[in-house]
């Protein structure tokens, strides 16, 4: 009887150990799945951030090009304004001469 009781006790302990091993294995698999899922989520987030960064670079480049064009237009307008100013000065001088001629 004692031998049978001991065998039964060892059987229960072995069952408990197998159950514990199964629980640990299950937890490891779930943990691995969580890690894999977390890694995939982090990779997706990284890809989104990279895409945003690329978009920001493209926007920045487009704005720099637009700024260059605006500077070119501004320089052209400045040049035209100087021409108009010179023309106005000439007209004013001609008008003053005409007034002086008529006065004399």
PDB file of N, CA and C in Angstrom:
ATOM      1  N   UNK A   1       0.805  -1.200   0.000  1.00  0.00           N
ATOM      2  CA  UNK A   1       0.000   0.000   0.000  1.00  0.00           C
ATOM      3  C   UNK A   1       0.849   1.264   0.000  1.00  0.00           C
ATOM      4  N   UNK A   2       1.873   1.262   0.790  1.00  0.00           N
ATOM      5  CA  UNK A   2       2.730   2.433   0.865  1.00  0.00           C
ATOM      6  C   UNK A   2       3.390   2.687  -0.481  1.00  0.00           C
ATOM      7  N   UNK A   3       3.773   1.626  -1.117  1.00  0.00           N
ATOM      8  CA  UNK A   3       4.416   1.718  -2.417  1.00  0.00           C
ATOM      9  C   UNK A   3       3.426   2.296  -3.436  1.00  0.00           C
ATOM     10  N   UNK A   4       2.196   1.884  -3.404  1.00  0.00           N
ATOM     11  CA  UNK A   4       1.162   2.369  -4.321  1.00  0.00           C
ATOM     12  C   UNK A   4       0.856   3.848  -4.035  1.00  0.00           C
ATOM     13  N   UNK A   5       0.809   4.220  -2.760  1.00  0.00           N
ATOM     14  CA  UNK A   5       0.535   5.604  -2.384  1.00  0.00           C
ATOM     15  C   UNK A   5       1.652   6.516  -2.864  1.00  0.00           C
ATOM     16  N   UNK A   6       2.900   6.033  -2.715  1.00  0.00           N
ATOM     17  CA  UNK A   6       4.035   6.818  -3.156  1.00  0.00           C
ATOM     18  C   UNK A   6       4.001   6.963  -4.677  1.00  0.00           C
ATOM     19  N   UNK A   7       3.691   5.886  -5.379  1.00  0.00           N
ATOM     20  CA  UNK A   7       3.597   5.912  -6.829  1.00  0.00           C
ATOM     21  C   UNK A   7       2.505   6.868  -7.280  1.00  0.00           C
ATOM     22  N   UNK A   8       1.373   6.830  -6.576  1.00  0.00           N
ATOM     23  CA  UNK A   8       0.272   7.743  -6.881  1.00  0.00           C
ATOM     24  C   UNK A   8       0.695   9.195  -6.637  1.00  0.00           C
ATOM     25  N   UNK A   9       1.419   9.451  -5.553  1.00  0.00           N
ATOM     26  CA  UNK A   9       1.899  10.790  -5.231  1.00  0.00           C
ATOM     27  C   UNK A   9       2.868  11.280  -6.303  1.00  0.00           C
ATOM     28  N   UNK A  10       3.784  10.406  -6.714  1.00  0.00           N
ATOM     29  CA  UNK A  10       4.739  10.785  -7.769  1.00  0.00           C
ATOM     30  C   UNK A  10       4.010  11.047  -9.085  1.00  0.00           C
ATOM     31  N   UNK A  11       2.965  10.278  -9.356  1.00  0.00           N
ATOM     32  CA  UNK A  11       2.160  10.475 -10.557  1.00  0.00           C
ATOM     33  C   UNK A  11       1.496  11.849 -10.539  1.00  0.00           C
ATOM     34  N   UNK A  12       0.960  12.219  -9.362  1.00  0.00           N
ATOM     35  CA  UNK A  12       0.341  13.539  -9.218  1.00  0.00           C
ATOM     36  C   UNK A  12       1.378  14.652  -9.401  1.00  0.00           C
ATOM     37  N   UNK A  13       2.563  14.459  -8.821  1.00  0.00           N
ATOM     38  CA  UNK A  13       3.619  15.463  -8.969  1.00  0.00           C
ATOM     39  C   UNK A  13       4.036  15.600 -10.438  1.00  0.00           C
ATOM     40  N   UNK A  14       4.141  14.447 -11.117  1.00  0.00           N
ATOM     41  CA  UNK A  14       4.510  14.460 -12.521  1.00  0.00           C
ATOM     42  C   UNK A  14       3.434  15.167 -13.354  1.00  0.00           C
ATOM     43  N   UNK A  15       2.176  14.886 -13.036  1.00  0.00           N
ATOM     44  CA  UNK A  15       1.080  15.569 -13.724  1.00  0.00           C
ATOM     45  C   UNK A  15       1.158  17.080 -13.499  1.00  0.00           C
ATOM     46  N   UNK A  16       1.447  17.451 -12.272  1.00  0.00           N
ATOM     47  CA  UNK A  16       1.563  18.872 -11.938  1.00  0.00           C
ATOM     48  C   UNK A  16       2.710  19.511 -12.719  1.00  0.00           C
ATOM     49  N   UNK A  17       3.844  18.802 -12.807  1.00  0.00           N
ATOM     50  CA  UNK A  17       4.986  19.323 -13.545  1.00  0.00           C
ATOM     51  C   UNK A  17       4.662  19.469 -15.039  1.00  0.00           C
ATOM     52  N   UNK A  18       3.976  18.473 -15.602  1.00  0.00           N
ATOM     53  CA  UNK A  18       3.592  18.533 -17.013  1.00  0.00           C
ATOM     54  C   UNK A  18       2.647  19.711 -17.237  1.00  0.00           C
ATOM     55  N   UNK A  19       1.701  19.869 -16.318  1.00  0.00           N
ATOM     56  CA  UNK A  19       0.760  20.979 -16.416  1.00  0.00           C
ATOM     57  C   UNK A  19       1.510  22.316 -16.346  1.00  0.00           C
ATOM     58  N   UNK A  20       2.478  22.411 -15.427  1.00  0.00           N
ATOM     59  CA  UNK A  20       3.273  23.629 -15.283  1.00  0.00           C
ATOM     60  C   UNK A  20       4.072  23.901 -16.566  1.00  0.00           C
ATOM     61  N   UNK A  21       4.685  22.855 -17.106  1.00  0.00           N
ATOM     62  CA  UNK A  21       5.456  23.005 -18.348  1.00  0.00           C
ATOM     63  C   UNK A  21       4.531  23.476 -19.473  1.00  0.00           C
ATOM     64  N   UNK A  22       3.341  22.897 -19.553  1.00  0.00           N
ATOM     65  CA  UNK A  22       2.380  23.315 -20.589  1.00  0.00           C
ATOM     66  C   UNK A  22       1.970  24.772 -20.409  1.00  0.00           C
ATOM     67  N   UNK A  23       1.754  25.190 -19.158  1.00  0.00           N
ATOM     68  CA  UNK A  23       1.409  26.583 -18.895  1.00  0.00           C
ATOM     69  C   UNK A  23       2.548  27.516 -19.308  1.00  0.00           C
ATOM     70  N   UNK A  24       3.767  27.139 -18.962  1.00  0.00           N
ATOM     71  CA  UNK A  24       4.931  27.955 -19.323  1.00  0.00           C
ATOM     72  C   UNK A  24       5.057  28.031 -20.843  1.00  0.00           C
ATOM     73  N   UNK A  25       4.908  26.890 -21.514  1.00  0.00           N
ATOM     74  CA  UNK A  25       5.013  26.861 -22.978  1.00  0.00           C
ATOM     75  C   UNK A  25       3.928  27.744 -23.607  1.00  0.00           C
ATOM     76  N   UNK A  26       2.724  27.654 -23.074  1.00  0.00           N
ATOM     77  CA  UNK A  26       1.610  28.462 -23.575  1.00  0.00           C
ATOM     78  C   UNK A  26       1.911  29.956 -23.355  1.00  0.00           C
ATOM     79  N   UNK A  27       2.410  30.294 -22.175  1.00  0.00           N
ATOM     80  CA  UNK A  27       2.752  31.682 -21.876  1.00  0.00           C
ATOM     81  C   UNK A  27       3.860  32.177 -22.791  1.00  0.00           C
ATOM     82  N   UNK A  28       4.846  31.314 -23.067  1.00  0.00           N
ATOM     83  CA  UNK A  28       5.930  31.705 -23.970  1.00  0.00           C
ATOM     84  C   UNK A  28       5.396  31.967 -25.373  1.00  0.00           C
ATOM     85  N   UNK A  29       4.489  31.103 -25.834  1.00  0.00           N
ATOM     86  CA  UNK A  29       3.904  31.285 -27.165  1.00  0.00           C
ATOM     87  C   UNK A  29       3.093  32.577 -27.225  1.00  0.00           C
ATOM     88  N   UNK A  30       2.303  32.838 -26.167  1.00  0.00           N
ATOM     89  CA  UNK A  30       1.527  34.078 -26.132  1.00  0.00           C
ATOM     90  C   UNK A  30       2.453  35.290 -26.057  1.00  0.00           C
ATOM     91  N   UNK A  31       3.506  35.163 -25.256  1.00  0.00           N
ATOM     92  CA  UNK A  31       4.481  36.253 -25.158  1.00  0.00           C
ATOM     93  C   UNK A  31       5.165  36.493 -26.487  1.00  0.00           C
ATOM     94  N   UNK A  32       5.518  35.416 -27.182  1.00  0.00           N
ATOM     95  CA  UNK A  32       6.145  35.556 -28.493  1.00  0.00           C
ATOM     96  C   UNK A  32       5.189  36.224 -29.467  1.00  0.00           C
ATOM     97  N   UNK A  33       3.925  35.839 -29.407  1.00  0.00           N
ATOM     98  CA  UNK A  33       2.921  36.441 -30.286  1.00  0.00           C
ATOM     99  C   UNK A  33       2.763  37.928 -29.968  1.00  0.00           C
ATOM    100  N   UNK A  34       2.743  38.261 -28.678  1.00  0.00           N
ATOM    101  CA  UNK A  34       2.645  39.669 -28.283  1.00  0.00           C
ATOM    102  C   UNK A  34       3.866  40.450 -28.762  1.00  0.00           C
ATOM    103  N   UNK A  35       5.046  39.850 -28.601  1.00  0.00           N
ATOM    104  CA  UNK A  35       6.267  40.516 -29.066  1.00  0.00           C
ATOM    105  C   UNK A  35       6.240  40.700 -30.577  1.00  0.00           C
ATOM    106  N   UNK A  36       5.821  39.654 -31.293  1.00  0.00           N
ATOM    107  CA  UNK A  36       5.763  39.728 -32.752  1.00  0.00           C
ATOM    108  C   UNK A  36       4.760  40.809 -33.182  1.00  0.00           C
ATOM    109  N   UNK A  37       3.615  40.815 -32.514  1.00  0.00           N
ATOM    110  CA  UNK A  37       2.596  41.816 -32.825  1.00  0.00           C
ATOM    111  C   UNK A  37       3.106  43.221 -32.517  1.00  0.00           C
ATOM    112  N   UNK A  38       3.774  43.365 -31.377  1.00  0.00           N
ATOM    113  CA  UNK A  38       4.346  44.663 -31.006  1.00  0.00           C
ATOM    114  C   UNK A  38       5.411  45.105 -31.990  1.00  0.00           C
ATOM    115  N   UNK A  39       6.231  44.169 -32.438  1.00  0.00           N
ATOM    116  CA  UNK A  39       7.276  44.487 -33.408  1.00  0.00           C
ATOM    117  C   UNK A  39       6.656  44.916 -34.730  1.00  0.00           C
ATOM    118  N   UNK A  40       5.628  44.191 -35.189  1.00  0.00           N
ATOM    119  CA  UNK A  40       4.954  44.562 -36.435  1.00  0.00           C
ATOM    120  C   UNK A  40       4.318  45.950 -36.309  1.00  0.00           C
ATOM    121  N   UNK A  41       3.721  46.213 -35.151  1.00  0.00           N
ATOM    122  CA  UNK A  41       3.109  47.520 -34.921  1.00  0.00           C
ATOM    123  C   UNK A  41       4.165  48.619 -34.936  1.00  0.00           C
ATOM    124  N   UNK A  42       5.295  48.364 -34.308  1.00  0.00           N
ATOM    125  CA  UNK A  42       6.383  49.351 -34.266  1.00  0.00           C
ATOM    126  C   UNK A  42       6.961  49.571 -35.658  1.00  0.00           C
ATOM    127  N   UNK A  43       7.078  48.495 -36.445  1.00  0.00           N
ATOM    128  CA  UNK A  43       7.583  48.631 -37.812  1.00  0.00           C
ATOM    129  C   UNK A  43       6.615  49.454 -38.660  1.00  0.00           C
ATOM    130  N   UNK A  44       5.311  49.224 -38.482  1.00  0.00           N
ATOM    131  CA  UNK A  44       4.306  49.992 -39.222  1.00  0.00           C
ATOM    132  C   UNK A  44       4.381  51.468 -38.823  1.00  0.00           C
ATOM    133  N   UNK A  45       4.540  51.733 -37.525  1.00  0.00           N
ATOM    134  CA  UNK A  45       4.658  53.115 -37.047  1.00  0.00           C
ATOM    135  C   UNK A  45       5.914  53.766 -37.631  1.00  0.00           C
ATOM    136  N   UNK A  46       7.003  53.025 -37.649  1.00  0.00           N
ATOM    137  CA  UNK A  46       8.251  53.547 -38.222  1.00  0.00           C
ATOM    138  C   UNK A  46       8.060  53.866 -39.707  1.00  0.00           C
ATOM    139  N   UNK A  47       7.377  52.986 -40.430  1.00  0.00           N
ATOM    140  CA  UNK A  47       7.131  53.219 -41.863  1.00  0.00           C
ATOM    141  C   UNK A  47       6.282  54.475 -42.070  1.00  0.00           C
ATOM    142  N   UNK A  48       5.252  54.659 -41.214  1.00  0.00           N
ATOM    143  CA  UNK A  48       4.415  55.857 -41.320  1.00  0.00           C
ATOM    144  C   UNK A  48       5.242  57.114 -41.057  1.00  0.00           C
ATOM    145  N   UNK A  49       6.079  57.073 -40.026  1.00  0.00           N
ATOM    146  CA  UNK A  49       6.925  58.232 -39.703  1.00  0.00           C
ATOM    147  C   UNK A  49       7.907  58.518 -40.837  1.00  0.00           C
ATOM    148  N   UNK A  50       8.451  57.462 -41.431  1.00  0.00           N
ATOM    149  CA  UNK A  50       9.375  57.645 -42.551  1.00  0.00           C
ATOM    150  C   UNK A  50       8.647  58.295 -43.725  1.00  0.00           C
ATOM    151  N   UNK A  51       7.436  57.843 -44.007  1.00  0.00           N
ATOM    152  CA  UNK A  51       6.651  58.439 -45.098  1.00  0.00           C
ATOM    153  C   UNK A  51       6.366  59.911 -44.822  1.00  0.00           C
ATOM    154  N   UNK A  52       6.026  60.238 -43.579  1.00  0.00           N
ATOM    155  CA  UNK A  52       5.796  61.638 -43.216  1.00  0.00           C
ATOM    156  C   UNK A  52       7.066  62.471 -43.406  1.00  0.00           C
ATOM    157  N   UNK A  53       8.196  61.900 -43.021  1.00  0.00           N
ATOM    158  CA  UNK A  53       9.473  62.592 -43.168  1.00  0.00           C
ATOM    159  C   UNK A  53       9.756  62.867 -44.645  1.00  0.00           C
ATOM    160  N   UNK A  54       9.523  61.865 -45.501  1.00  0.00           N
ATOM    161  CA  UNK A  54       9.748  62.028 -46.942  1.00  0.00           C
ATOM    162  C   UNK A  54       8.805  63.101 -47.502  1.00  0.00           C
ATOM    163  N   UNK A  55       7.538  63.069 -47.063  1.00  0.00           N
ATOM    164  CA  UNK A  55       6.588  64.090 -47.503  1.00  0.00           C
ATOM    165  C   UNK A  55       7.028  65.479 -47.072  1.00  0.00           C
ATOM    166  N   UNK A  56       7.516  65.607 -45.845  1.00  0.00           N
ATOM    167  CA  UNK A  56       7.993  66.900 -45.344  1.00  0.00           C
ATOM    168  C   UNK A  56       9.193  67.388 -46.145  1.00  0.00           C
ATOM    169  N   UNK A  57      10.083  66.473 -46.510  1.00  0.00           N
ATOM    170  CA  UNK A  57      11.238  66.862 -47.327  1.00  0.00           C
ATOM    171  C   UNK A  57      10.775  67.363 -48.691  1.00  0.00           C
ATOM    172  N   UNK A  58       9.799  66.665 -49.278  1.00  0.00           N
ATOM    173  CA  UNK A  58       9.283  67.079 -50.597  1.00  0.00           C
ATOM    174  C   UNK A  58       8.616  68.450 -50.492  1.00  0.00           C
ATOM    175  N   UNK A  59       7.849  68.652 -49.432  1.00  0.00           N
ATOM    176  CA  UNK A  59       7.192  69.950 -49.231  1.00  0.00           C
ATOM    177  C   UNK A  59       8.227  71.045 -49.048  1.00  0.00           C
ATOM    178  N   UNK A  60       9.249  70.767 -48.269  1.00  0.00           N
ATOM    179  CA  UNK A  60      10.309  71.745 -48.035  1.00  0.00           C
ATOM    180  C   UNK A  60      11.022  72.095 -49.344  1.00  0.00           C
ATOM    181  N   UNK A  61      11.302  71.089 -50.153  1.00  0.00           N
ATOM    182  CA  UNK A  61      11.965  71.345 -51.440  1.00  0.00           C
ATOM    183  C   UNK A  61      11.066  72.196 -52.337  1.00  0.00           C
ATOM    184  N   UNK A  62       9.773  71.879 -52.368  1.00  0.00           N
ATOM    185  CA  UNK A  62       8.831  72.653 -53.194  1.00  0.00           C
ATOM    186  C   UNK A  62       8.769  74.102 -52.716  1.00  0.00           C
ATOM    187  N   UNK A  63       8.772  74.302 -51.402  1.00  0.00           N
ATOM    188  CA  UNK A  63       8.738  75.665 -50.863  1.00  0.00           C
ATOM    189  C   UNK A  63      10.015  76.425 -51.188  1.00  0.00           C
ATOM    190  N   UNK A  64      11.152  75.739 -51.149  1.00  0.00           N
ATOM    191  CA  UNK A  64      12.416  76.405 -51.511  1.00  0.00           C
ATOM    192  C   UNK A  64      12.391  76.834 -52.981  1.00  0.00           C
ATOM    193  N   UNK A  65      11.869  75.959 -53.838  1.00  0.00           N
ATOM    194  CA  UNK A  65      11.771  76.301 -55.265  1.00  0.00           C
ATOM    195  C   UNK A  65      10.844  77.496 -55.452  1.00  0.00           C
ATOM    196  N   UNK A  66       9.709  77.475 -54.752  1.00  0.00           N
ATOM    197  CA  UNK A  66       8.758  78.600 -54.844  1.00  0.00           C
ATOM    198  C   UNK A  66       9.402  79.891 -54.356  1.00  0.00           C
ATOM    199  N   UNK A  67      10.191  79.819 -53.286  1.00  0.00           N
ATOM    200  CA  UNK A  67      10.889  81.003 -52.774  1.00  0.00           C
ATOM    201  C   UNK A  67      11.870  81.550 -53.814  1.00  0.00           C
ATOM    202  N   UNK A  68      12.593  80.657 -54.478  1.00  0.00           N
ATOM    203  CA  UNK A  68      13.526  81.095 -55.523  1.00  0.00           C
ATOM    204  C   UNK A  68      12.764  81.816 -56.641  1.00  0.00           C
ATOM    205  N   UNK A  69      11.622  81.222 -57.045  1.00  0.00           N
ATOM    206  CA  UNK A  69      10.819  81.869 -58.096  1.00  0.00           C
ATOM    207  C   UNK A  69      10.303  83.240 -57.641  1.00  0.00           C
ATOM    208  N   UNK A  70       9.876  83.328 -56.385  1.00  0.00           N
ATOM    209  CA  UNK A  70       9.393  84.611 -55.858  1.00  0.00           C
ATOM    210  C   UNK A  70      10.509  85.649 -55.849  1.00  0.00           C
ATOM    211  N   UNK A  71      11.706  85.239 -55.499  1.00  0.00           N
ATOM    212  CA  UNK A  71      12.844  86.170 -55.505  1.00  0.00           C
ATOM    213  C   UNK A  71      13.140  86.640 -56.926  1.00  0.00           C
ATOM    214  N   UNK A  72      13.065  85.709 -57.881  1.00  0.00           N
ATOM    215  CA  UNK A  72      13.293  86.088 -59.279  1.00  0.00           C
ATOM    216  C   UNK A  72      12.229  87.081 -59.743  1.00  0.00           C
ATOM    217  N   UNK A  73      10.950  86.828 -59.402  1.00  0.00           N
ATOM    218  CA  UNK A  73       9.870  87.750 -59.778  1.00  0.00           C
ATOM    219  C   UNK A  73      10.063  89.108 -59.102  1.00  0.00           C
ATOM    220  N   UNK A  74      10.483  89.088 -57.854  1.00  0.00           N
ATOM    221  CA  UNK A  74      10.715  90.329 -57.125  1.00  0.00           C
ATOM    222  C   UNK A  74      11.831  91.130 -57.777  1.00  0.00           C
ATOM    223  N   UNK A  75      12.915  90.454 -58.175  1.00  0.00           N
ATOM    224  CA  UNK A  75      14.030  91.154 -58.830  1.00  0.00           C
ATOM    225  C   UNK A  75      13.570  91.738 -60.162  1.00  0.00           C
ATOM    226  N   UNK A  76      12.743  90.981 -60.891  1.00  0.00           N
ATOM    227  CA  UNK A  76      12.233  91.489 -62.169  1.00  0.00           C
ATOM    228  C   UNK A  76      11.331  92.703 -61.945  1.00  0.00           C
ATOM    229  N   UNK A  77      10.461  92.628 -60.944  1.00  0.00           N
ATOM    230  CA  UNK A  77       9.586  93.769 -60.626  1.00  0.00           C
ATOM    231  C   UNK A  77      10.404  94.981 -60.215  1.00  0.00           C
ATOM    232  N   UNK A  78      11.442  94.753 -59.422  1.00  0.00           N
ATOM    233  CA  UNK A  78      12.313  95.853 -58.982  1.00  0.00           C
ATOM    234  C   UNK A  78      12.968  96.519 -60.187  1.00  0.00           C
ATOM    235  N   UNK A  79      13.428  95.700 -61.133  1.00  0.00           N
ATOM    236  CA  UNK A  79      14.053  96.227 -62.345  1.00  0.00           C
ATOM    237  C   UNK A  79      13.044  97.060 -63.154  1.00  0.00           C
ATOM    238  N   UNK A  80      11.805  96.526 -63.293  1.00  0.00           N
ATOM    239  CA  UNK A  80      10.763  97.262 -64.022  1.00  0.00           C
ATOM    240  C   UNK A  80      10.418  98.561 -63.305  1.00  0.00           C
ATOM    241  N   UNK A  81      10.358  98.522 -61.985  1.00  0.00           N
ATOM    242  CA  UNK A  81      10.046  99.718 -61.209  1.00  0.00           C
ATOM    243  C   UNK A  81      11.112 100.794 -61.412  1.00  0.00           C
ATOM    244  N   UNK A  82      12.370 100.387 -61.449  1.00  0.00           N
ATOM    245  CA  UNK A  82      13.449 101.354 -61.701  1.00  0.00           C
ATOM    246  C   UNK A  82      13.283 101.984 -63.080  1.00  0.00           C
ATOM    247  N   UNK A  83      12.889 101.158 -64.060  1.00  0.00           N
ATOM    248  CA  UNK A  83      12.650 101.697 -65.409  1.00  0.00           C
ATOM    249  C   UNK A  83      11.516 102.700 -65.406  1.00  0.00           C
ATOM    250  N   UNK A  84      10.403 102.362 -64.706  1.00  0.00           N
ATOM    251  CA  UNK A  84       9.269 103.283 -64.632  1.00  0.00           C
ATOM    252  C   UNK A  84       9.656 104.568 -63.903  1.00  0.00           C
ATOM    253  N   UNK A  85      10.465 104.446 -62.866  1.00  0.00           N
ATOM    254  CA  UNK A  85      10.902 105.610 -62.101  1.00  0.00           C
ATOM    255  C   UNK A  85      11.754 106.531 -62.977  1.00  0.00           C
ATOM    256  N   UNK A  86      12.639 105.937 -63.753  1.00  0.00           N
ATOM    257  CA  UNK A  86      13.485 106.740 -64.656  1.00  0.00           C
ATOM    258  C   UNK A  86      12.620 107.438 -65.707  1.00  0.00           C
ATOM    259  N   UNK A  87      11.629 106.687 -66.213  1.00  0.00           N
ATOM    260  CA  UNK A  87      10.720 107.261 -67.216  1.00  0.00           C
ATOM    261  C   UNK A  87       9.928 108.421 -66.599  1.00  0.00           C
ATOM    262  N   UNK A  88       9.453 108.239 -65.376  1.00  0.00           N
ATOM    263  CA  UNK A  88       8.692 109.296 -64.697  1.00  0.00           C
ATOM    264  C   UNK A  88       9.565 110.518 -64.476  1.00  0.00           C
ATOM    265  N   UNK A  89      10.825 110.294 -64.104  1.00  0.00           N
ATOM    266  CA  UNK A  89      11.745 111.419 -63.908  1.00  0.00           C
ATOM    267  C   UNK A  89      11.947 112.185 -65.219  1.00  0.00           C
ATOM    268  N   UNK A  90      12.071 111.450 -66.309  1.00  0.00           N
ATOM    269  CA  UNK A  90      12.243 112.093 -67.617  1.00  0.00           C
ATOM    270  C   UNK A  90      10.994 112.891 -68.002  1.00  0.00           C
ATOM    271  N   UNK A  91       9.822 112.311 -67.757  1.00  0.00           N
ATOM    272  CA  UNK A  91       8.581 113.018 -68.065  1.00  0.00           C
ATOM    273  C   UNK A  91       8.446 114.280 -67.221  1.00  0.00           C
ATOM    274  N   UNK A  92       8.821 114.156 -65.941  1.00  0.00           N
ATOM    275  CA  UNK A  92       8.744 115.316 -65.053  1.00  0.00           C
ATOM    276  C   UNK A  92       9.702 116.420 -65.538  1.00  0.00           C
ATOM    277  N   UNK A  93      10.908 116.004 -65.903  1.00  0.00           N
ATOM    278  CA  UNK A  93      11.882 116.994 -66.401  1.00  0.00           C
ATOM    279  C   UNK A  93      11.373 117.640 -67.690  1.00  0.00           C
ATOM    280  N   UNK A  94      10.774 116.844 -68.570  1.00  0.00           N
ATOM    281  CA  UNK A  94      10.243 117.388 -69.832  1.00  0.00           C
ATOM    282  C   UNK A  94       9.090 118.340 -69.549  1.00  0.00           C
ATOM    283  N   UNK A  95       8.241 117.975 -68.587  1.00  0.00           N
ATOM    284  CA  UNK A  95       7.112 118.843 -68.238  1.00  0.00           C
ATOM    285  C   UNK A  95       7.608 120.149 -67.657  1.00  0.00           C
ATOM    286  N   UNK A  96       8.634 120.119 -66.813  1.00  0.00           N
ATOM    287  CA  UNK A  96       9.201 121.339 -66.232  1.00  0.00           C
ATOM    288  C   UNK A  96       9.811 122.217 -67.322  1.00  0.00           C
ATOM    289  N   UNK A  97      10.498 121.588 -68.263  1.00  0.00           N
ATOM    290  CA  UNK A  97      11.075 122.345 -69.372  1.00  0.00           C
ATOM    291  C   UNK A  97       9.977 122.995 -70.220  1.00  0.00           C
ATOM    292  N   UNK A  98       8.918 122.219 -70.451  1.00  0.00           N
ATOM    293  CA  UNK A  98       7.796 122.753 -71.234  1.00  0.00           C
ATOM    294  C   UNK A  98       7.151 123.923 -70.507  1.00  0.00           C
ATOM    295  N   UNK A  99       6.980 123.781 -69.183  1.00  0.00           N
ATOM    296  CA  UNK A  99       6.402 124.891 -68.393  1.00  0.00           C
ATOM    297  C   UNK A  99       7.314 126.113 -68.454  1.00  0.00           C
ATOM    298  N   UNK A 100       8.614 125.890 -68.341  1.00  0.00           N
ATOM    299  CA  UNK A 100       9.565 127.000 -68.356  1.00  0.00           C
ATOM    300  C   UNK A 100       9.566 127.648 -69.756  1.00  0.00           C
ATOM    301  N   UNK A 101       9.458 126.841 -70.790  1.00  0.00           N
ATOM    302  CA  UNK A 101       9.445 127.397 -72.156  1.00  0.00           C
ATOM    303  C   UNK A 101       8.202 128.250 -72.387  1.00  0.00           C
ATOM    304  N   UNK A 102       7.063 127.755 -71.880  1.00  0.00           N
ATOM    305  CA  UNK A 102       5.821 128.509 -72.074  1.00  0.00           C
ATOM    306  C   UNK A 102       5.808 129.800 -71.240  1.00  0.00           C
ATOM    307  N   UNK A 103       6.485 129.748 -70.130  1.00  0.00           N
ATOM    308  CA  UNK A 103       6.507 130.924 -69.254  1.00  0.00           C
ATOM    309  C   UNK A 103       7.360 132.027 -69.837  1.00  0.00           C
ATOM    310  N   UNK A 104       8.350 131.661 -70.619  1.00  0.00           N
ATOM    311  CA  UNK A 104       9.247 132.705 -71.111  1.00  0.00           C
ATOM    312  C   UNK A 104       8.822 133.285 -72.416  1.00  0.00           C
TER     313      UNK A 104
END
